[in-house]
Amino acid sequence: MRIPILALLSCAVAATLGANALAQETPKPKPEDTEVWTPVPAIVTPGATDAAPPSDAIVLFDGKNEDEWVSAQDHTPAKWIVGDGVLTVAKGTGNIETKRSFKNYQLHIEWKIPESITGSGQARGNSGVFLASLGPGDAGYELQVLDSFNNATYVNGQAASIYKQSPPLVNPNRKPGEWQSYDVVWTAPTFNADGSLKTPAYVTAFFNGVLVQDHFQLKGQTLYIGQPFYKAYDRAPIKLQAHGDKSEPISFRNIWVRELP
């Protein structure tokens, strides 16, 4: 069937007019279309150095006292040793934990293995930072502290490991007698009303300024023996471990935390 030329021309004109109308109706993109002006981020004054607490930090140890800490066993005053701006493990007195409980946070903590350290493997400067303490002993989620400077052990138990779950990406340990630092972002697990896991815990950690845990997803609590599992909780203290090995006690300083949404 032949279509009249006039009809074809009419269709072409209509299509052109329709396209032009559509182009006129669609506004041209502007830079302002993708600008977000609210809410305005809160102002936080940084510390004099990257290691110093910013203005919104909660200082957990400033070198003066243990006012922010209690015994993890019975919540009596902490009995570790404070001197020369340093908090040193008092072996035999047990773990200590913060009086306050936290959920998600940014943590800065510095620690030192004694220059005179003895022992080997896990019995050489052993301690731990429990990012959430779920009991008086070693229950919870541990970021390992250990002398891993020329000291062989299982890799998921060396310094900066998520104990028995994730070895550090690299080993940036300084030698005994020098101060070391952890900077940690902790995302706590969440749970459903029946206690089942809703979202797992995640941790990002820098060791002496070097990335060692990159948004690692935890499988549950860090256990010495057995497989990890989750146990429902909402908020929890941060715990420091007084390990039972016979090596010389380690020290901590400059501990602060920033709560995160």
Protein backbone atom coordinates (compact mmCIF):
# COMPACT_ATOMS: atom_id res chain seq x y z
CA MET A 1 0.00 0.00 0.00
CA ARG A 2 1.36 3.37 -0.93
CA ILE A 3 1.41 6.07 1.75
CA PRO A 4 0.83 9.55 0.41
CA ILE A 5 3.89 11.79 0.51
CA LEU A 6 1.86 14.46 2.28
CA ALA A 7 1.05 12.05 5.11
CA LEU A 8 4.69 11.13 5.52
CA LEU A 9 5.67 14.78 5.67
CA SER A 10 2.99 15.43 8.28
CA CYS A 11 4.31 12.61 10.47
CA ALA A 12 7.86 13.86 10.18
CA VAL A 13 6.84 17.38 11.14
CA ALA A 14 4.82 16.11 14.09
CA ALA A 15 7.75 14.01 15.34
CA THR A 16 10.11 16.97 15.06
CA LEU A 17 7.73 19.27 16.90
CA GLY A 18 7.24 16.64 19.61
CA ALA A 19 10.98 16.22 20.09
CA ASN A 20 11.48 19.97 20.29
CA ALA A 21 8.68 20.28 22.82
CA LEU A 22 10.19 17.51 24.95
CA ALA A 23 13.58 19.19 24.80
CA GLN A 24 12.02 22.46 25.91
CA GLU A 25 10.19 20.78 28.80
CA THR A 26 13.34 19.02 30.16
CA PRO A 27 15.41 21.60 32.08
CA LYS A 28 19.12 21.73 31.45
CA PRO A 29 21.10 20.24 34.39
CA LYS A 30 22.69 22.77 36.75
CA PRO A 31 25.48 22.37 39.34
CA GLU A 32 22.98 23.26 42.06
CA ASP A 33 20.93 20.13 41.30
CA THR A 34 23.47 17.96 43.12
CA GLU A 35 24.46 20.30 45.95
CA VAL A 36 23.51 19.36 49.53
CA TRP A 37 23.47 22.18 52.10
CA THR A 38 21.92 20.58 55.18
CA PRO A 39 22.42 19.21 57.71
CA VAL A 40 25.66 21.10 58.36
CA PRO A 41 28.37 18.89 59.96
CA ALA A 42 29.22 19.76 63.56
CA ILE A 43 32.46 21.64 64.12
CA VAL A 44 35.14 19.58 65.88
CA THR A 45 38.42 21.18 66.90
CA PRO A 46 41.28 18.79 66.19
CA GLY A 47 44.03 18.16 68.70
CA ALA A 48 47.42 19.83 68.45
CA THR A 49 48.65 16.59 66.84
CA ASP A 50 46.82 13.71 65.17
CA ALA A 51 47.34 11.68 68.35
CA ALA A 52 45.86 14.35 70.64
CA PRO A 53 42.15 14.12 71.49
CA PRO A 54 39.81 16.34 69.46
CA SER A 55 37.26 18.55 71.15
CA ASP A 56 34.46 15.95 71.10
CA ALA A 57 36.55 13.08 72.48
CA ILE A 58 36.05 11.35 75.81
CA VAL A 59 39.49 11.06 77.41
CA LEU A 60 39.81 7.64 79.05
CA PHE A 61 43.38 8.07 80.29
CA ASP A 62 45.27 11.37 80.37
CA GLY A 63 48.25 10.19 82.40
CA LYS A 64 46.88 11.27 85.78
CA ASN A 65 44.53 8.63 87.20
CA GLU A 66 42.26 5.64 86.58
CA ASP A 67 39.01 7.52 87.22
CA GLU A 68 37.47 6.21 83.98
CA TRP A 69 38.34 2.58 84.75
CA VAL A 70 37.19 -0.23 87.04
CA SER A 71 38.08 -3.86 87.64
CA ALA A 72 36.40 -5.99 84.98
CA GLN A 73 35.92 -8.70 87.59
CA ASP A 74 33.88 -6.87 90.23
CA HIS A 75 33.72 -3.19 89.13
CA THR A 76 35.79 -2.01 92.11
CA PRO A 77 38.37 0.74 91.41
CA ALA A 78 41.05 -0.29 88.94
CA LYS A 79 44.33 -1.37 90.55
CA TRP A 80 46.85 -0.93 87.74
CA ILE A 81 49.85 1.34 88.22
CA VAL A 82 49.82 5.03 87.24
CA GLY A 83 53.12 6.89 87.09
CA ASP A 84 54.99 9.32 84.83
CA GLY A 85 51.89 9.74 82.68
CA VAL A 86 51.67 6.02 81.96
CA LEU A 87 49.22 3.25 82.90
CA THR A 88 51.03 -0.07 83.51
CA VAL A 89 49.49 -3.49 83.91
CA ALA A 90 49.60 -4.78 87.49
CA LYS A 91 49.75 -8.51 86.89
CA GLY A 92 47.58 -10.52 89.23
CA THR A 93 44.97 -7.76 89.59
CA GLY A 94 43.00 -8.76 86.50
CA ASN A 95 41.58 -6.96 83.50
CA ILE A 96 40.23 -3.42 83.68
CA GLU A 97 37.40 -1.87 81.70
CA THR A 98 35.83 1.53 81.20
CA LYS A 99 33.09 2.73 83.52
CA ARG A 100 31.23 3.94 80.45
CA SER A 101 29.70 1.73 77.81
CA PHE A 102 29.92 2.40 74.09
CA LYS A 103 28.40 1.27 70.81
CA ASN A 104 30.08 2.63 67.67
CA TYR A 105 33.23 4.68 68.11
CA GLN A 106 36.68 5.86 67.05
CA LEU A 107 39.42 4.86 69.49
CA HIS A 108 43.02 6.01 69.93
CA ILE A 109 45.32 4.12 72.28
CA GLU A 110 49.10 3.93 72.65
CA TRP A 111 51.05 1.05 74.18
CA LYS A 112 54.64 0.03 74.84
CA ILE A 113 56.41 -3.28 75.27
CA PRO A 114 59.23 -2.99 77.86
CA GLU A 115 62.70 -2.80 76.37
CA SER A 116 63.71 -5.59 78.77
CA ILE A 117 60.93 -7.92 77.57
CA THR A 118 61.53 -11.66 77.84
CA GLY A 119 59.70 -14.73 76.64
CA SER A 120 58.64 -15.80 73.18
CA GLY A 121 55.53 -16.35 71.10
CA GLN A 122 52.32 -15.56 72.97
CA ALA A 123 54.27 -15.28 76.23
CA ARG A 124 56.05 -12.08 75.20
CA GLY A 125 54.28 -8.80 76.00
CA ASN A 126 50.79 -10.23 75.65
CA SER A 127 47.75 -8.05 76.26
CA GLY A 128 44.67 -7.00 74.36
CA VAL A 129 42.24 -4.19 73.67
CA PHE A 130 38.72 -5.60 73.87
CA LEU A 131 36.61 -3.36 71.65
CA ALA A 132 33.50 -4.58 73.46
CA SER A 133 33.82 -6.33 76.81
CA LEU A 134 31.11 -8.92 77.42
CA GLY A 135 32.32 -10.33 80.70
CA PRO A 136 34.99 -10.19 83.41
CA GLY A 137 37.47 -12.52 81.71
CA ASP A 138 38.30 -12.51 78.02
CA ALA A 139 34.73 -12.45 76.72
CA GLY A 140 34.24 -9.95 73.91
CA TYR A 141 36.01 -8.77 70.77
CA GLU A 142 39.80 -8.51 71.05
CA LEU A 143 42.33 -6.52 69.09
CA GLN A 144 45.56 -8.29 70.06
CA VAL A 145 48.51 -6.57 71.73
CA LEU A 146 51.82 -8.46 71.60
CA ASP A 147 55.49 -7.98 70.92
CA SER A 148 55.54 -8.98 67.25
CA PHE A 149 58.93 -7.45 66.50
CA ASN A 150 61.00 -10.50 65.47
CA ASN A 151 58.76 -12.75 67.54
CA ALA A 152 57.13 -15.64 65.69
CA THR A 153 53.63 -16.84 66.61
CA TYR A 154 50.43 -17.84 64.80
CA VAL A 155 49.57 -14.94 62.51
CA ASN A 156 45.98 -14.53 63.70
CA GLY A 157 47.39 -14.01 67.19
CA GLN A 158 50.13 -11.47 66.47
CA ALA A 159 49.86 -7.76 67.25
CA ALA A 160 46.98 -6.00 65.49
CA SER A 161 45.16 -9.24 64.71
CA ILE A 162 41.49 -9.63 65.49
CA TYR A 163 42.33 -12.51 67.76
CA LYS A 164 41.97 -15.94 66.11
CA GLN A 165 39.94 -14.39 63.25
CA SER A 166 41.93 -11.94 61.11
CA PRO A 167 45.71 -11.50 60.83
CA PRO A 168 46.90 -7.93 60.24
CA LEU A 169 47.41 -6.95 56.61
CA VAL A 170 51.06 -6.10 57.38
CA ASN A 171 53.38 -6.02 60.39
CA PRO A 172 54.43 -2.42 61.25
CA ASN A 173 55.65 -3.21 64.79
CA ARG A 174 58.26 -1.02 66.41
CA LYS A 175 60.90 -2.63 68.60
CA PRO A 176 60.40 -3.05 72.36
CA GLY A 177 60.91 0.14 74.33
CA GLU A 178 59.20 2.34 71.68
CA TRP A 179 55.63 3.61 71.85
CA GLN A 180 53.12 2.16 69.40
CA SER A 181 49.59 3.27 68.53
CA TYR A 182 46.25 1.85 67.45
CA ASP A 183 43.58 3.95 65.78
CA VAL A 184 40.37 1.99 65.49
CA VAL A 185 36.90 2.46 64.02
CA TRP A 186 34.50 0.00 65.66
CA THR A 187 31.03 -0.74 64.30
CA ALA A 188 29.17 -2.77 66.89
CA PRO A 189 26.92 -5.67 65.93
CA THR A 190 23.16 -5.22 66.16
CA PHE A 191 20.55 -7.79 67.13
CA ASN A 192 16.90 -8.52 66.56
CA ALA A 193 14.37 -8.57 69.40
CA ASP A 194 14.77 -12.34 69.74
CA GLY A 195 18.55 -12.01 70.18
CA SER A 196 19.45 -13.22 66.69
CA LEU A 197 22.11 -11.34 64.74
CA LYS A 198 20.84 -8.44 62.63
CA THR A 199 24.13 -6.93 61.41
CA PRO A 200 27.67 -8.15 62.23
CA ALA A 201 30.50 -6.18 63.81
CA TYR A 202 33.13 -4.49 61.65
CA VAL A 203 36.53 -3.09 62.51
CA THR A 204 39.01 -0.87 60.70
CA ALA A 205 42.37 -0.40 62.42
CA PHE A 206 45.61 1.47 61.84
CA PHE A 207 48.77 0.33 63.63
CA ASN A 208 51.44 3.02 63.88
CA GLY A 209 49.59 4.84 61.10
CA VAL A 210 49.48 1.80 58.80
CA LEU A 211 46.21 0.12 57.79
CA VAL A 212 46.10 -3.38 59.28
CA GLN A 213 42.35 -4.20 59.39
CA ASP A 214 40.20 -2.97 56.50
CA HIS A 215 36.52 -3.03 57.49
CA PHE A 216 36.89 -6.64 58.63
CA GLN A 217 33.61 -8.43 59.33
CA LEU A 218 33.84 -10.34 62.61
CA LYS A 219 32.40 -13.85 62.89
CA GLY A 220 31.51 -13.33 66.54
CA GLN A 221 33.41 -13.04 69.80
CA THR A 222 37.15 -13.74 69.70
CA LEU A 223 37.80 -17.05 71.42
CA TYR A 224 41.01 -18.78 72.50
CA ILE A 225 39.39 -22.19 71.94
CA GLY A 226 36.43 -22.98 69.71
CA GLN A 227 34.49 -21.22 66.99
CA PRO A 228 33.30 -17.61 67.31
CA PHE A 229 29.66 -16.83 68.01
CA TYR A 230 27.53 -13.75 68.62
CA LYS A 231 25.80 -12.97 71.89
CA ALA A 232 23.24 -10.16 71.95
CA TYR A 233 24.16 -6.91 73.70
CA ASP A 234 23.51 -3.21 73.17
CA ARG A 235 26.41 -1.19 74.61
CA ALA A 236 29.60 -2.45 76.26
CA PRO A 237 32.75 -1.18 78.01
CA ILE A 238 36.22 -1.18 76.43
CA LYS A 239 38.52 -3.61 78.24
CA LEU A 240 42.31 -3.86 78.64
CA GLN A 241 43.78 -7.27 79.36
CA ALA A 242 46.16 -8.27 82.12
CA HIS A 243 47.47 -11.43 80.47
CA GLY A 244 48.75 -14.28 82.60
CA ASP A 245 52.07 -14.76 80.79
CA LYS A 246 55.24 -14.26 82.83
CA SER A 247 56.85 -11.55 80.70
CA GLU A 248 57.31 -8.01 81.98
CA PRO A 249 54.08 -5.92 82.09
CA ILE A 250 53.27 -3.54 79.27
CA SER A 251 52.11 0.08 79.52
CA PHE A 252 49.44 2.30 77.95
CA ARG A 253 48.97 6.03 77.52
CA ASN A 254 46.89 8.64 75.67
CA ILE A 255 43.59 6.76 75.43
CA TRP A 256 40.56 8.54 74.03
CA VAL A 257 37.34 7.68 72.22
CA ARG A 258 34.83 9.49 70.00
CA GLU A 259 31.31 8.11 69.92
CA LEU A 260 29.91 7.64 66.40
CA PRO A 261 26.30 7.31 65.17
